[in-house]
Amino acid sequence: MHSRRLLFLLSSARENGNAEQLARKAAESLPDGTVAEWVNLERYRGAVFKDLRHSLGGYTQPLSPELWDLAQRTVSADELVFVAPVYWYGLPANAVSYLEHWSHWLRITELRFRERMRGKVLSLVTSHSSEEDDAVAQPLLKSLQLSADYMEMHWRGALIGHGNTPGQVLQDTRAVTTARDFLVRPVVVAKTEAA
């Protein structure tokens, strides 16, 4: 029997910010034997994505060793957990860049990216400074939910916390309580309907 593997994709420009602290709180409930890997996407910021889908020759350059390693970690996980604060109503730049690289990975035959991503779970742990209104997180949620649908992945949903200064999210009782079962509750399989 294979251990469940979660890949936590840290994408804040701040170390140990509110989203990360909330994600680590949620990870405390993972059962023994679960493999939790934490990857800081800031490490890959220099790997700028170039869209060569329609260029002569397309993607002919091999991936750098760092990006190949990240792609392998991605396809080896059972669940991808984006750990991302709300930045200007969307994902931080390094998380967007990571998703952009999927366009290249989809075209690497030996990676079998689409085939290996199908059926995995995608989720989000996020935080924002608005005290009550979670509407500010909706564009970010929708972006990831649609990405999951496109890749035929399952969408767990989002764990949303409120906090401005680091550590403030841990005073959000509702978010901390929800964190206890967020990563262990069953995933409801449903596709997003177009509006």
C-alpha atoms as a PDB file:
ATOM      1  CA  MET A   1       0.000   0.000   0.000  1.00  0.00           C
ATOM      2  CA  HIS A   2       1.351   3.369  -0.980  1.00  0.00           C
ATOM      3  CA  SER A   3       1.583   6.273   1.472  1.00  0.00           C
ATOM      4  CA  ARG A   4      -0.449   9.341   0.612  1.00  0.00           C
ATOM      5  CA  ARG A   5       1.853  12.087  -0.654  1.00  0.00           C
ATOM      6  CA  LEU A   6       1.040  15.790  -0.384  1.00  0.00           C
ATOM      7  CA  LEU A   7       3.087  18.479  -2.077  1.00  0.00           C
ATOM      8  CA  PHE A   8       2.709  21.847  -0.353  1.00  0.00           C
ATOM      9  CA  LEU A   9       3.553  24.633  -2.797  1.00  0.00           C
ATOM     10  CA  LEU A  10       4.650  27.637  -0.752  1.00  0.00           C
ATOM     11  CA  SER A  11       4.190  30.715  -2.881  1.00  0.00           C
ATOM     12  CA  SER A  12       4.299  33.702  -0.580  1.00  0.00           C
ATOM     13  CA  ALA A  13       6.990  36.359  -0.931  1.00  0.00           C
ATOM     14  CA  ARG A  14       7.115  36.284   2.879  1.00  0.00           C
ATOM     15  CA  GLU A  15       8.643  33.405   4.834  1.00  0.00           C
ATOM     16  CA  ASN A  16       6.342  31.773   7.373  1.00  0.00           C
ATOM     17  CA  GLY A  17       3.456  34.084   6.548  1.00  0.00           C
ATOM     18  CA  ASN A  18      -0.171  33.556   7.516  1.00  0.00           C
ATOM     19  CA  ALA A  19      -1.054  31.156   4.688  1.00  0.00           C
ATOM     20  CA  GLU A  20       1.945  28.971   5.523  1.00  0.00           C
ATOM     21  CA  GLN A  21       1.177  28.977   9.248  1.00  0.00           C
ATOM     22  CA  LEU A  22      -2.410  27.943   8.524  1.00  0.00           C
ATOM     23  CA  ALA A  23      -1.233  25.197   6.161  1.00  0.00           C
ATOM     24  CA  ARG A  24       1.160  23.831   8.788  1.00  0.00           C
ATOM     25  CA  LYS A  25      -1.710  23.832  11.281  1.00  0.00           C
ATOM     26  CA  ALA A  26      -3.805  21.809   8.790  1.00  0.00           C
ATOM     27  CA  ALA A  27      -0.906  19.406   8.177  1.00  0.00           C
ATOM     28  CA  GLU A  28      -0.789  18.544  11.896  1.00  0.00           C
ATOM     29  CA  SER A  29      -3.927  16.427  11.379  1.00  0.00           C
ATOM     30  CA  LEU A  30      -2.455  14.263   8.625  1.00  0.00           C
ATOM     31  CA  PRO A  31      -2.346  10.615   9.686  1.00  0.00           C
ATOM     32  CA  ASP A  32       0.903   8.808  10.427  1.00  0.00           C
ATOM     33  CA  GLY A  33       2.547   7.521   7.276  1.00  0.00           C
ATOM     34  CA  THR A  34       1.477  10.508   5.175  1.00  0.00           C
ATOM     35  CA  VAL A  35       4.364  12.044   3.236  1.00  0.00           C
ATOM     36  CA  ALA A  36       4.223  15.840   3.330  1.00  0.00           C
ATOM     37  CA  GLU A  37       6.752  17.690   1.185  1.00  0.00           C
ATOM     38  CA  TRP A  38       7.097  21.474   1.388  1.00  0.00           C
ATOM     39  CA  VAL A  39       8.494  23.236  -1.684  1.00  0.00           C
ATOM     40  CA  ASN A  40       9.106  26.971  -1.799  1.00  0.00           C
ATOM     41  CA  LEU A  41       8.259  28.139  -5.325  1.00  0.00           C
ATOM     42  CA  GLU A  42      10.401  31.232  -4.781  1.00  0.00           C
ATOM     43  CA  ARG A  43      13.394  28.932  -5.478  1.00  0.00           C
ATOM     44  CA  TYR A  44      12.204  28.597  -9.096  1.00  0.00           C
ATOM     45  CA  ARG A  45      11.501  32.261  -9.726  1.00  0.00           C
ATOM     46  CA  GLY A  46      14.458  32.558 -12.106  1.00  0.00           C
ATOM     47  CA  ALA A  47      13.009  29.859 -14.379  1.00  0.00           C
ATOM     48  CA  VAL A  48      10.962  32.193 -16.553  1.00  0.00           C
ATOM     49  CA  PHE A  49       8.312  30.460 -18.664  1.00  0.00           C
ATOM     50  CA  LYS A  50       8.393  31.086 -22.417  1.00  0.00           C
ATOM     51  CA  ASP A  51       5.339  30.041 -24.403  1.00  0.00           C
ATOM     52  CA  LEU A  52       6.755  28.186 -27.406  1.00  0.00           C
ATOM     53  CA  ARG A  53       3.655  26.142 -28.279  1.00  0.00           C
ATOM     54  CA  HIS A  54       3.260  27.824 -31.660  1.00  0.00           C
ATOM     55  CA  SER A  55       6.912  28.635 -32.350  1.00  0.00           C
ATOM     56  CA  LEU A  56       8.908  26.846 -35.025  1.00  0.00           C
ATOM     57  CA  GLY A  57      10.324  23.770 -33.307  1.00  0.00           C
ATOM     58  CA  GLY A  58       8.223  24.299 -30.174  1.00  0.00           C
ATOM     59  CA  TYR A  59       9.782  23.152 -26.928  1.00  0.00           C
ATOM     60  CA  THR A  60      13.070  21.694 -28.087  1.00  0.00           C
ATOM     61  CA  GLN A  61      15.224  22.642 -25.096  1.00  0.00           C
ATOM     62  CA  PRO A  62      15.257  20.089 -22.292  1.00  0.00           C
ATOM     63  CA  LEU A  63      14.057  21.213 -18.883  1.00  0.00           C
ATOM     64  CA  SER A  64      16.680  22.475 -16.472  1.00  0.00           C
ATOM     65  CA  PRO A  65      17.506  19.922 -13.736  1.00  0.00           C
ATOM     66  CA  GLU A  66      15.636  22.110 -11.216  1.00  0.00           C
ATOM     67  CA  LEU A  67      12.442  22.245 -13.276  1.00  0.00           C
ATOM     68  CA  TRP A  68      12.665  18.531 -14.108  1.00  0.00           C
ATOM     69  CA  ASP A  69      12.891  17.835 -10.366  1.00  0.00           C
ATOM     70  CA  LEU A  70       9.872  20.065  -9.692  1.00  0.00           C
ATOM     71  CA  ALA A  71       7.886  18.351 -12.448  1.00  0.00           C
ATOM     72  CA  GLN A  72       8.756  14.934 -10.978  1.00  0.00           C
ATOM     73  CA  ARG A  73       7.722  16.041  -7.490  1.00  0.00           C
ATOM     74  CA  THR A  74       4.454  17.292  -8.964  1.00  0.00           C
ATOM     75  CA  VAL A  75       3.519  14.070 -10.732  1.00  0.00           C
ATOM     76  CA  SER A  76       4.618  11.965  -7.746  1.00  0.00           C
ATOM     77  CA  ALA A  77       2.210  13.678  -5.345  1.00  0.00           C
ATOM     78  CA  ASP A  78      -1.346  12.519  -4.702  1.00  0.00           C
ATOM     79  CA  GLU A  79      -2.437  16.014  -3.727  1.00  0.00           C
ATOM     80  CA  LEU A  80      -1.081  19.464  -4.544  1.00  0.00           C
ATOM     81  CA  VAL A  81      -1.749  22.083  -1.886  1.00  0.00           C
ATOM     82  CA  PHE A  82      -1.184  25.654  -3.010  1.00  0.00           C
ATOM     83  CA  VAL A  83      -0.195  27.716   0.023  1.00  0.00           C
ATOM     84  CA  ALA A  84      -0.759  31.226  -1.229  1.00  0.00           C
ATOM     85  CA  PRO A  85      -1.883  34.496   0.275  1.00  0.00           C
ATOM     86  CA  VAL A  86      -4.252  36.591  -1.792  1.00  0.00           C
ATOM     87  CA  TYR A  87      -2.089  39.015  -3.790  1.00  0.00           C
ATOM     88  CA  TRP A  88      -4.095  41.600  -5.707  1.00  0.00           C
ATOM     89  CA  TYR A  89      -7.065  39.200  -5.803  1.00  0.00           C
ATOM     90  CA  GLY A  90      -5.044  36.400  -7.376  1.00  0.00           C
ATOM     91  CA  LEU A  91      -2.133  34.029  -6.998  1.00  0.00           C
ATOM     92  CA  PRO A  92       1.379  35.236  -6.198  1.00  0.00           C
ATOM     93  CA  ALA A  93       3.646  35.493  -9.263  1.00  0.00           C
ATOM     94  CA  ASN A  94       5.699  32.397  -8.457  1.00  0.00           C
ATOM     95  CA  ALA A  95       2.535  30.254  -8.275  1.00  0.00           C
ATOM     96  CA  VAL A  96       1.349  31.637 -11.618  1.00  0.00           C
ATOM     97  CA  SER A  97       4.766  30.860 -13.098  1.00  0.00           C
ATOM     98  CA  TYR A  98       4.588  27.292 -11.760  1.00  0.00           C
ATOM     99  CA  LEU A  99       1.219  26.776 -13.464  1.00  0.00           C
ATOM    100  CA  GLU A 100       2.547  28.310 -16.688  1.00  0.00           C
ATOM    101  CA  HIS A 101       5.283  25.653 -16.741  1.00  0.00           C
ATOM    102  CA  TRP A 102       2.534  23.020 -16.900  1.00  0.00           C
ATOM    103  CA  SER A 103       2.000  24.116 -20.525  1.00  0.00           C
ATOM    104  CA  HIS A 104       5.520  22.890 -21.282  1.00  0.00           C
ATOM    105  CA  TRP A 105       5.275  19.773 -19.123  1.00  0.00           C
ATOM    106  CA  LEU A 106       2.130  18.741 -20.999  1.00  0.00           C
ATOM    107  CA  ARG A 107       4.281  18.470 -24.134  1.00  0.00           C
ATOM    108  CA  ILE A 108       7.052  16.288 -22.693  1.00  0.00           C
ATOM    109  CA  THR A 109       6.125  12.805 -23.869  1.00  0.00           C
ATOM    110  CA  GLU A 110       8.155  10.856 -21.322  1.00  0.00           C
ATOM    111  CA  LEU A 111       6.695  12.868 -18.428  1.00  0.00           C
ATOM    112  CA  ARG A 112       3.105  11.783 -19.310  1.00  0.00           C
ATOM    113  CA  PHE A 113       2.014  14.850 -17.381  1.00  0.00           C
ATOM    114  CA  ARG A 114      -1.713  14.937 -18.182  1.00  0.00           C
ATOM    115  CA  GLU A 115      -2.098  11.206 -17.692  1.00  0.00           C
ATOM    116  CA  ARG A 116      -0.306  11.266 -14.344  1.00  0.00           C
ATOM    117  CA  MET A 117      -2.125  14.365 -13.058  1.00  0.00           C
ATOM    118  CA  ARG A 118      -5.590  12.969 -13.794  1.00  0.00           C
ATOM    119  CA  GLY A 119      -7.409  12.050 -10.585  1.00  0.00           C
ATOM    120  CA  LYS A 120      -5.026  13.846  -8.220  1.00  0.00           C
ATOM    121  CA  VAL A 121      -6.432  16.330  -5.717  1.00  0.00           C
ATOM    122  CA  LEU A 122      -5.826  20.080  -5.837  1.00  0.00           C
ATOM    123  CA  SER A 123      -6.474  22.350  -2.877  1.00  0.00           C
ATOM    124  CA  LEU A 124      -5.670  25.794  -1.560  1.00  0.00           C
ATOM    125  CA  VAL A 125      -4.724  27.238   1.810  1.00  0.00           C
ATOM    126  CA  THR A 126      -4.898  31.005   1.677  1.00  0.00           C
ATOM    127  CA  SER A 127      -5.154  34.082   3.827  1.00  0.00           C
ATOM    128  CA  HIS A 128      -6.072  37.705   3.306  1.00  0.00           C
ATOM    129  CA  SER A 129      -6.261  40.835   5.407  1.00  0.00           C
ATOM    130  CA  SER A 130      -9.963  41.562   4.963  1.00  0.00           C
ATOM    131  CA  GLU A 131     -11.592  40.756   8.284  1.00  0.00           C
ATOM    132  CA  GLU A 132     -14.804  39.210   7.022  1.00  0.00           C
ATOM    133  CA  ASP A 133     -15.220  39.368   3.250  1.00  0.00           C
ATOM    134  CA  ASP A 134     -13.888  36.219   1.571  1.00  0.00           C
ATOM    135  CA  ALA A 135     -15.049  37.531  -1.825  1.00  0.00           C
ATOM    136  CA  VAL A 136     -11.541  38.950  -2.298  1.00  0.00           C
ATOM    137  CA  ALA A 137     -10.261  35.346  -2.548  1.00  0.00           C
ATOM    138  CA  GLN A 138     -12.787  34.223  -5.166  1.00  0.00           C
ATOM    139  CA  PRO A 139     -10.704  34.996  -8.304  1.00  0.00           C
ATOM    140  CA  LEU A 140      -7.812  32.948  -6.873  1.00  0.00           C
ATOM    141  CA  LEU A 141     -10.117  30.042  -5.936  1.00  0.00           C
ATOM    142  CA  LYS A 142     -11.824  30.053  -9.317  1.00  0.00           C
ATOM    143  CA  SER A 143      -8.483  30.047 -11.148  1.00  0.00           C
ATOM    144  CA  LEU A 144      -7.306  26.933  -9.304  1.00  0.00           C
ATOM    145  CA  GLN A 145     -10.681  25.217  -9.495  1.00  0.00           C
ATOM    146  CA  LEU A 146     -10.786  25.682 -13.284  1.00  0.00           C
ATOM    147  CA  SER A 147      -7.180  24.461 -13.548  1.00  0.00           C
ATOM    148  CA  ALA A 148      -8.162  21.317 -11.647  1.00  0.00           C
ATOM    149  CA  ASP A 149     -11.095  20.764 -13.989  1.00  0.00           C
ATOM    150  CA  TYR A 150      -8.918  21.247 -17.058  1.00  0.00           C
ATOM    151  CA  MET A 151      -6.442  18.651 -15.801  1.00  0.00           C
ATOM    152  CA  GLU A 152      -9.239  16.286 -14.679  1.00  0.00           C
ATOM    153  CA  MET A 153      -8.116  16.622 -11.078  1.00  0.00           C
ATOM    154  CA  HIS A 154     -10.379  16.718  -8.019  1.00  0.00           C
ATOM    155  CA  TRP A 155     -10.864  20.052  -6.251  1.00  0.00           C
ATOM    156  CA  ARG A 156     -10.806  19.807  -2.438  1.00  0.00           C
ATOM    157  CA  GLY A 157     -11.634  23.468  -2.012  1.00  0.00           C
ATOM    158  CA  ALA A 158      -9.994  26.205  -0.015  1.00  0.00           C
ATOM    159  CA  LEU A 159      -9.099  26.802   3.590  1.00  0.00           C
ATOM    160  CA  ILE A 160      -9.312  30.563   4.071  1.00  0.00           C
ATOM    161  CA  GLY A 161      -7.854  32.459   7.001  1.00  0.00           C
ATOM    162  CA  HIS A 162      -7.809  36.111   7.946  1.00  0.00           C
ATOM    163  CA  GLY A 163      -4.725  37.936   9.095  1.00  0.00           C
ATOM    164  CA  ASN A 164      -2.456  40.783   8.183  1.00  0.00           C
ATOM    165  CA  THR A 165       0.724  40.610  10.246  1.00  0.00           C
ATOM    166  CA  PRO A 166       2.476  37.197  10.445  1.00  0.00           C
ATOM    167  CA  GLY A 167       0.852  34.895  12.994  1.00  0.00           C
ATOM    168  CA  GLN A 168      -2.411  36.815  13.098  1.00  0.00           C
ATOM    169  CA  VAL A 169      -4.198  34.021  11.213  1.00  0.00           C
ATOM    170  CA  LEU A 170      -3.777  31.745  14.242  1.00  0.00           C
ATOM    171  CA  GLN A 171      -6.204  34.061  16.081  1.00  0.00           C
ATOM    172  CA  ASP A 172      -8.850  33.302  13.441  1.00  0.00           C
ATOM    173  CA  THR A 173     -10.724  30.657  15.434  1.00  0.00           C
ATOM    174  CA  ARG A 174     -12.930  29.601  12.534  1.00  0.00           C
ATOM    175  CA  ALA A 175      -9.963  29.017  10.204  1.00  0.00           C
ATOM    176  CA  VAL A 176      -7.945  27.118  12.826  1.00  0.00           C
ATOM    177  CA  THR A 177     -10.955  24.915  13.645  1.00  0.00           C
ATOM    178  CA  THR A 178     -11.594  24.207   9.952  1.00  0.00           C
ATOM    179  CA  ALA A 179      -7.896  23.440   9.461  1.00  0.00           C
ATOM    180  CA  ARG A 180      -8.192  20.399  11.751  1.00  0.00           C
ATOM    181  CA  ASP A 181     -10.105  18.357   9.178  1.00  0.00           C
ATOM    182  CA  PHE A 182      -9.433  20.230   5.943  1.00  0.00           C
ATOM    183  CA  LEU A 183      -6.820  17.809   4.552  1.00  0.00           C
ATOM    184  CA  VAL A 184      -8.394  14.643   5.940  1.00  0.00           C
ATOM    185  CA  ARG A 185     -12.035  15.008   4.969  1.00  0.00           C
ATOM    186  CA  PRO A 186     -13.227  13.198   1.834  1.00  0.00           C
ATOM    187  CA  VAL A 187     -13.101  15.116  -1.433  1.00  0.00           C
ATOM    188  CA  VAL A 188     -16.448  15.714  -3.120  1.00  0.00           C
ATOM    189  CA  VAL A 189     -16.027  15.059  -6.832  1.00  0.00           C
ATOM    190  CA  ALA A 190     -17.816  17.704  -8.890  1.00  0.00           C
ATOM    191  CA  LYS A 191     -16.962  19.668 -12.004  1.00  0.00           C
ATOM    192  CA  THR A 192     -17.227  23.435 -12.226  1.00  0.00           C
ATOM    193  CA  GLU A 193     -20.160  24.575 -14.319  1.00  0.00           C
ATOM    194  CA  ALA A 194     -19.673  27.550 -16.615  1.00  0.00           C
ATOM    195  CA  ALA A 195     -21.722  30.571 -15.580  1.00  0.00           C
END
